[in-house]
Amino acid sequence: MLIIIGIILTMGMVFGGYVIAGGKMAPILKALPLEGMMIGGAGLGSFFVGNGGSTLKKAGSGLGKAFKGPKWKAEDYTALLSLLFILTKLIKSKGVIALEAHIENPHDSKIFQNFPKVAADHHVVEFICDYLRMTTMNFDDPHQVEDVLLKDLEKHHHEESEGAHALAILGEAFPALGIVAAVLGIVKTMGSIDQPVEILGAMIGGALVGTFLGILISYTIASPLASRLQQIVDEEGHFFDVIRDIIIAHLHGHAPQISVEIGRKSVPGIYQPTFYELDEALNELPNDLAQ
């Protein structure tokens, strides 16, 4: 919603100021379709040339993500903390053998299915299961596991950022593509140099629309969208940071309550439950989940 409001506000102020200053929209509207076709087509073509299929998919889905906002809300972080509390409590009370059924078949696990939104994200579920599975294979040195976790998260974050990076490069290209469209307009004008001044003026004005349009798209739409997408990727990465911190705390031998409290401290401030809110959520969990 904020993106739509921002675009409407920008266009309203730019074109509103232009009209109030005495400018006429007719030359812009006449040149806009062809200039937009050249700039947009060149931008799309260069985007295909410079990126692979997986990056294109991430950029496409990322645009939707930029409009919708981050996936994880405050209640989802509370659900994640509760899920990891139950899993670490199960290990402490029943041993790693009791954990195997849940991490090998999370879709059939009553623990995971008690938190449906978290369980529906296969990346999160795989991440949790993979590293808890390592503990069942005696790979339980907290320092070694933390090194592996950090490398894995760095790789994941880099891959998730590819779409935003590609969109940022495209945004930087639009001013130059606008100049290309303007130069072509000037070439067209020079071919009609014998025309009256009124016609030449309109043709030059139409050519300059290309430069204007390229700069406008770059700095008010494409680059801000890329920046917003990167913010969302960074924010959603905190979800995995919480998992990392709780698993490492658990491997250090802390009680489930302490491990989850350490994880709570990693939750972004705007989503972080208070100590008492989390304690209430943990007390409301079904008693048979960790059995």
Protein backbone atom coordinates (compact mmCIF):
# COMPACT_ATOMS: atom_id res chain seq x y z
CA MET A 1 0.00 0.00 0.00
CA LEU A 2 2.79 2.46 0.88
CA ILE A 3 4.45 1.77 -2.47
CA ILE A 4 1.26 2.63 -4.37
CA ILE A 5 0.76 5.76 -2.27
CA GLY A 6 4.37 6.76 -2.89
CA ILE A 7 4.09 6.33 -6.67
CA ILE A 8 0.80 8.28 -6.81
CA LEU A 9 2.28 11.04 -4.64
CA THR A 10 5.41 11.28 -6.79
CA MET A 11 3.54 11.42 -10.09
CA GLY A 12 1.01 13.87 -8.70
CA MET A 13 3.70 16.24 -7.44
CA VAL A 14 5.88 16.01 -10.57
CA PHE A 15 3.17 16.41 -13.19
CA GLY A 16 1.04 18.64 -10.97
CA GLY A 17 3.94 21.04 -10.52
CA TYR A 18 4.63 20.94 -14.25
CA VAL A 19 1.03 21.81 -15.12
CA ILE A 20 0.77 24.53 -12.44
CA ALA A 21 3.95 26.10 -13.86
CA GLY A 22 2.19 26.39 -17.21
CA GLY A 23 3.42 23.24 -18.90
CA LYS A 24 1.20 21.37 -21.35
CA MET A 25 0.67 17.64 -21.08
CA ALA A 26 -0.10 17.12 -24.77
CA PRO A 27 3.54 16.82 -25.96
CA ILE A 28 4.36 14.42 -23.10
CA LEU A 29 1.29 12.25 -23.69
CA LYS A 30 2.00 12.12 -27.42
CA ALA A 31 5.61 11.03 -26.97
CA LEU A 32 5.02 8.79 -23.94
CA PRO A 33 3.89 5.56 -25.69
CA LEU A 34 6.85 5.31 -28.11
CA GLU A 35 9.43 6.59 -25.63
CA GLY A 36 8.08 4.18 -23.03
CA MET A 37 8.24 1.31 -25.51
CA MET A 38 11.89 2.03 -26.34
CA ILE A 39 13.02 2.52 -22.76
CA GLY A 40 10.93 -0.27 -21.26
CA GLY A 41 11.74 -2.69 -24.06
CA ALA A 42 15.47 -1.97 -23.89
CA GLY A 43 15.39 -2.32 -20.10
CA LEU A 44 13.53 -5.63 -20.26
CA GLY A 45 15.82 -6.95 -22.97
CA SER A 46 18.99 -6.03 -21.08
CA PHE A 47 17.46 -7.58 -17.97
CA PHE A 48 17.07 -10.88 -19.84
CA VAL A 49 20.61 -10.65 -21.22
CA GLY A 50 22.23 -9.98 -17.86
CA ASN A 51 20.45 -12.55 -15.69
CA GLY A 52 19.78 -16.27 -15.57
CA GLY A 53 16.38 -17.90 -15.28
CA SER A 54 16.53 -18.37 -11.51
CA THR A 55 17.41 -14.71 -10.96
CA LEU A 56 14.57 -13.61 -13.23
CA LYS A 57 12.14 -15.72 -11.20
CA LYS A 58 13.42 -14.24 -7.94
CA ALA A 59 13.12 -10.72 -9.32
CA GLY A 60 9.58 -11.39 -10.56
CA SER A 61 8.41 -12.91 -7.31
CA GLY A 62 10.34 -10.22 -5.46
CA LEU A 63 8.21 -7.49 -7.01
CA GLY A 64 5.14 -9.11 -5.50
CA LYS A 65 6.96 -9.45 -2.20
CA ALA A 66 7.90 -5.75 -2.28
CA PHE A 67 4.23 -4.80 -2.55
CA LYS A 68 3.02 -7.33 0.05
CA GLY A 69 5.78 -6.68 2.59
CA PRO A 70 7.66 -9.13 4.82
CA LYS A 71 6.17 -12.59 5.23
CA TRP A 72 6.80 -12.96 8.95
CA LYS A 73 4.77 -11.00 11.49
CA ALA A 74 4.95 -10.75 15.28
CA GLU A 75 2.72 -13.77 15.84
CA ASP A 76 4.93 -15.85 13.51
CA TYR A 77 8.04 -15.13 15.57
CA THR A 78 6.14 -16.18 18.68
CA ALA A 79 5.09 -19.38 16.89
CA LEU A 80 8.69 -20.07 15.87
CA LEU A 81 9.95 -19.57 19.42
CA SER A 82 7.22 -21.89 20.70
CA LEU A 83 8.05 -24.55 18.10
CA LEU A 84 11.74 -24.54 18.96
CA PHE A 85 10.93 -24.57 22.66
CA ILE A 86 8.92 -27.78 22.22
CA LEU A 87 11.64 -29.40 20.08
CA THR A 88 14.48 -28.57 22.46
CA LYS A 89 12.33 -29.59 25.44
CA LEU A 90 11.66 -32.93 23.73
CA ILE A 91 15.39 -33.52 23.28
CA LYS A 92 16.12 -32.62 26.90
CA SER A 93 13.39 -34.82 28.32
CA LYS A 94 13.22 -37.77 25.91
CA GLY A 95 16.57 -37.70 24.08
CA VAL A 96 17.40 -37.33 20.39
CA ILE A 97 15.72 -40.64 19.52
CA ALA A 98 12.32 -39.13 20.31
CA LEU A 99 13.12 -36.25 17.95
CA GLU A 100 13.77 -38.37 14.87
CA ALA A 101 10.12 -39.05 14.00
CA HIS A 102 9.41 -35.30 13.95
CA ILE A 103 12.37 -34.16 11.88
CA GLU A 104 12.19 -37.02 9.38
CA ASN A 105 8.48 -36.47 8.71
CA PRO A 106 7.68 -32.89 9.72
CA HIS A 107 4.48 -32.88 7.66
CA ASP A 108 3.14 -35.68 9.86
CA SER A 109 4.53 -34.26 13.08
CA LYS A 110 1.97 -32.96 15.54
CA ILE A 111 4.60 -30.54 16.81
CA PHE A 112 5.22 -28.88 13.45
CA GLN A 113 1.57 -28.99 12.43
CA ASN A 114 0.62 -27.13 15.59
CA PHE A 115 2.28 -24.10 13.93
CA PRO A 116 0.81 -24.25 10.41
CA LYS A 117 2.32 -21.09 8.89
CA VAL A 118 5.84 -22.00 9.96
CA ALA A 119 5.31 -25.61 8.89
CA ALA A 120 4.12 -24.45 5.45
CA ASP A 121 7.47 -22.81 4.68
CA HIS A 122 9.68 -25.64 3.45
CA HIS A 123 12.87 -23.55 3.69
CA VAL A 124 12.34 -22.92 7.39
CA VAL A 125 11.30 -26.52 8.09
CA GLU A 126 14.28 -27.95 6.18
CA PHE A 127 16.64 -25.58 7.96
CA ILE A 128 15.37 -26.63 11.40
CA CYS A 129 15.29 -30.33 10.57
CA ASP A 130 18.71 -30.40 8.90
CA TYR A 131 20.53 -28.91 11.86
CA LEU A 132 18.62 -30.81 14.51
CA ARG A 133 19.31 -33.96 12.51
CA MET A 134 23.03 -33.18 12.77
CA THR A 135 22.73 -33.32 16.54
CA THR A 136 21.37 -36.86 16.25
CA MET A 137 24.51 -37.76 14.24
CA ASN A 138 26.82 -36.59 17.05
CA PHE A 139 27.69 -33.37 15.23
CA ASP A 140 26.97 -31.38 18.35
CA ASP A 141 30.00 -29.19 18.94
CA PRO A 142 28.37 -25.74 19.23
CA HIS A 143 31.32 -23.89 17.70
CA GLN A 144 31.55 -26.14 14.65
CA VAL A 145 27.79 -26.11 14.15
CA GLU A 146 27.76 -22.32 14.43
CA ASP A 147 30.44 -22.03 11.71
CA VAL A 148 28.39 -24.23 9.39
CA LEU A 149 25.22 -22.32 10.22
CA LEU A 150 26.81 -18.96 9.48
CA LYS A 151 28.10 -20.13 6.11
CA ASP A 152 24.72 -21.62 5.25
CA LEU A 153 22.89 -18.43 6.21
CA GLU A 154 25.36 -16.31 4.26
CA LYS A 155 24.78 -18.44 1.16
CA HIS A 156 21.01 -18.33 1.62
CA HIS A 157 21.01 -14.56 2.07
CA HIS A 158 23.18 -14.08 -1.01
CA GLU A 159 20.87 -16.21 -3.13
CA GLU A 160 17.74 -14.46 -1.85
CA SER A 161 19.33 -11.06 -2.61
CA GLU A 162 20.00 -11.87 -6.28
CA GLY A 163 16.60 -10.58 -7.42
CA ALA A 164 16.96 -7.28 -5.57
CA HIS A 165 20.51 -6.85 -6.90
CA ALA A 166 19.35 -7.45 -10.49
CA LEU A 167 16.51 -4.93 -10.10
CA ALA A 168 18.93 -2.37 -8.65
CA ILE A 169 21.20 -2.70 -11.70
CA LEU A 170 18.20 -2.31 -13.99
CA GLY A 171 17.15 0.81 -12.10
CA GLU A 172 20.60 2.31 -12.59
CA ALA A 173 20.37 1.66 -16.33
CA PHE A 174 17.12 3.53 -16.98
CA PRO A 175 18.65 7.07 -17.16
CA ALA A 176 21.11 5.88 -19.83
CA LEU A 177 18.32 4.12 -21.73
CA GLY A 178 16.35 7.37 -21.57
CA ILE A 179 19.29 9.14 -23.20
CA VAL A 180 19.31 6.49 -25.94
CA ALA A 181 15.64 7.18 -26.65
CA ALA A 182 16.30 10.95 -26.60
CA VAL A 183 19.22 10.65 -29.03
CA LEU A 184 17.03 8.71 -31.45
CA GLY A 185 14.45 11.49 -31.14
CA ILE A 186 17.11 14.07 -31.98
CA VAL A 187 18.24 11.99 -34.97
CA LYS A 188 14.63 11.95 -36.15
CA THR A 189 14.42 15.72 -35.64
CA MET A 190 17.61 16.36 -37.63
CA GLY A 191 16.08 14.44 -40.51
CA SER A 192 13.25 16.98 -40.56
CA ILE A 193 15.39 20.09 -40.21
CA ASP A 194 13.55 21.78 -43.07
CA GLN A 195 10.30 21.81 -41.11
CA PRO A 196 8.89 24.93 -39.41
CA VAL A 197 10.11 25.89 -35.95
CA GLU A 198 6.83 24.85 -34.33
CA ILE A 199 7.18 21.29 -35.63
CA LEU A 200 10.89 21.06 -34.75
CA GLY A 201 10.16 22.32 -31.24
CA ALA A 202 7.53 19.66 -30.72
CA MET A 203 9.87 16.97 -32.02
CA ILE A 204 12.72 18.07 -29.72
CA GLY A 205 10.32 18.25 -26.80
CA GLY A 206 9.16 14.71 -27.57
CA ALA A 207 12.78 13.51 -27.69
CA LEU A 208 13.50 15.03 -24.29
CA VAL A 209 10.59 13.06 -22.83
CA GLY A 210 12.86 10.01 -23.20
CA THR A 211 15.51 11.47 -20.91
CA PHE A 212 12.87 12.62 -18.44
CA LEU A 213 11.11 9.26 -18.44
CA GLY A 214 14.32 7.26 -17.92
CA ILE A 215 15.33 9.36 -14.92
CA LEU A 216 11.82 9.33 -13.47
CA ILE A 217 11.47 5.53 -13.71
CA SER A 218 14.94 4.98 -12.27
CA TYR A 219 14.78 7.18 -9.20
CA THR A 220 11.10 6.98 -8.29
CA ILE A 221 10.11 3.40 -9.20
CA ALA A 222 12.81 0.87 -10.16
CA SER A 223 15.56 1.74 -7.66
CA PRO A 224 13.18 2.26 -4.70
CA LEU A 225 11.50 -1.08 -5.47
CA ALA A 226 14.90 -2.81 -5.51
CA SER A 227 15.81 -1.14 -2.22
CA ARG A 228 12.51 -2.17 -0.65
CA LEU A 229 12.95 -5.76 -1.81
CA GLN A 230 16.43 -5.88 -0.26
CA GLN A 231 15.01 -4.55 3.02
CA ILE A 232 12.44 -7.36 3.03
CA VAL A 233 15.08 -10.00 2.25
CA ASP A 234 17.19 -8.69 5.14
CA GLU A 235 14.21 -8.60 7.47
CA GLU A 236 13.05 -12.12 6.61
CA GLY A 237 16.60 -13.33 7.20
CA HIS A 238 16.14 -12.56 10.91
CA PHE A 239 13.74 -15.51 11.08
CA PHE A 240 16.66 -17.84 10.37
CA ASP A 241 18.89 -15.94 12.80
CA VAL A 242 16.46 -16.80 15.59
CA ILE A 243 16.64 -20.49 14.67
CA ARG A 244 20.43 -20.35 14.62
CA ASP A 245 20.71 -18.71 18.02
CA ILE A 246 18.32 -21.16 19.70
CA ILE A 247 20.04 -24.24 18.23
CA ILE A 248 23.48 -22.97 19.29
CA ALA A 249 22.21 -22.11 22.77
CA HIS A 250 20.72 -25.59 23.03
CA LEU A 251 24.03 -27.18 22.00
CA HIS A 252 25.76 -25.17 24.71
CA GLY A 253 23.60 -27.08 27.17
CA HIS A 254 21.13 -24.38 28.14
CA ALA A 255 17.62 -25.26 29.29
CA PRO A 256 14.86 -24.83 26.68
CA GLN A 257 13.55 -21.72 28.44
CA ILE A 258 16.99 -20.09 28.32
CA SER A 259 17.62 -21.12 24.68
CA VAL A 260 14.30 -19.63 23.61
CA GLU A 261 14.95 -16.47 25.61
CA ILE A 262 18.27 -16.08 23.76
CA GLY A 263 16.37 -16.55 20.50
CA ARG A 264 13.78 -13.95 21.55
CA LYS A 265 16.56 -11.38 21.80
CA SER A 266 17.31 -11.95 18.08
CA VAL A 267 13.77 -11.08 17.00
CA PRO A 268 13.55 -7.62 15.34
CA GLY A 269 12.31 -5.01 17.80
CA ILE A 270 9.01 -4.33 16.05
CA TYR A 271 8.10 -8.03 16.18
CA GLN A 272 9.76 -9.05 19.45
CA PRO A 273 7.37 -10.44 22.06
CA THR A 274 8.01 -9.40 25.64
CA PHE A 275 9.27 -11.96 28.14
CA TYR A 276 5.79 -12.22 29.63
CA GLU A 277 4.04 -12.49 26.25
CA LEU A 278 6.30 -15.37 25.27
CA ASP A 279 5.91 -17.01 28.66
CA GLU A 280 2.13 -16.84 28.28
CA ALA A 281 2.33 -18.35 24.79
CA LEU A 282 4.50 -21.21 26.04
CA ASN A 283 2.12 -21.90 28.93
CA GLU A 284 -0.79 -22.14 26.49
CA LEU A 285 0.86 -24.89 24.41
CA PRO A 286 -0.86 -28.30 24.53
CA ASN A 287 0.71 -30.48 27.18
CA ASP A 288 0.99 -33.52 24.92
CA LEU A 289 3.15 -31.90 22.21
CA ALA A 290 6.47 -32.87 23.78
CA GLN A 291 5.40 -36.45 24.51
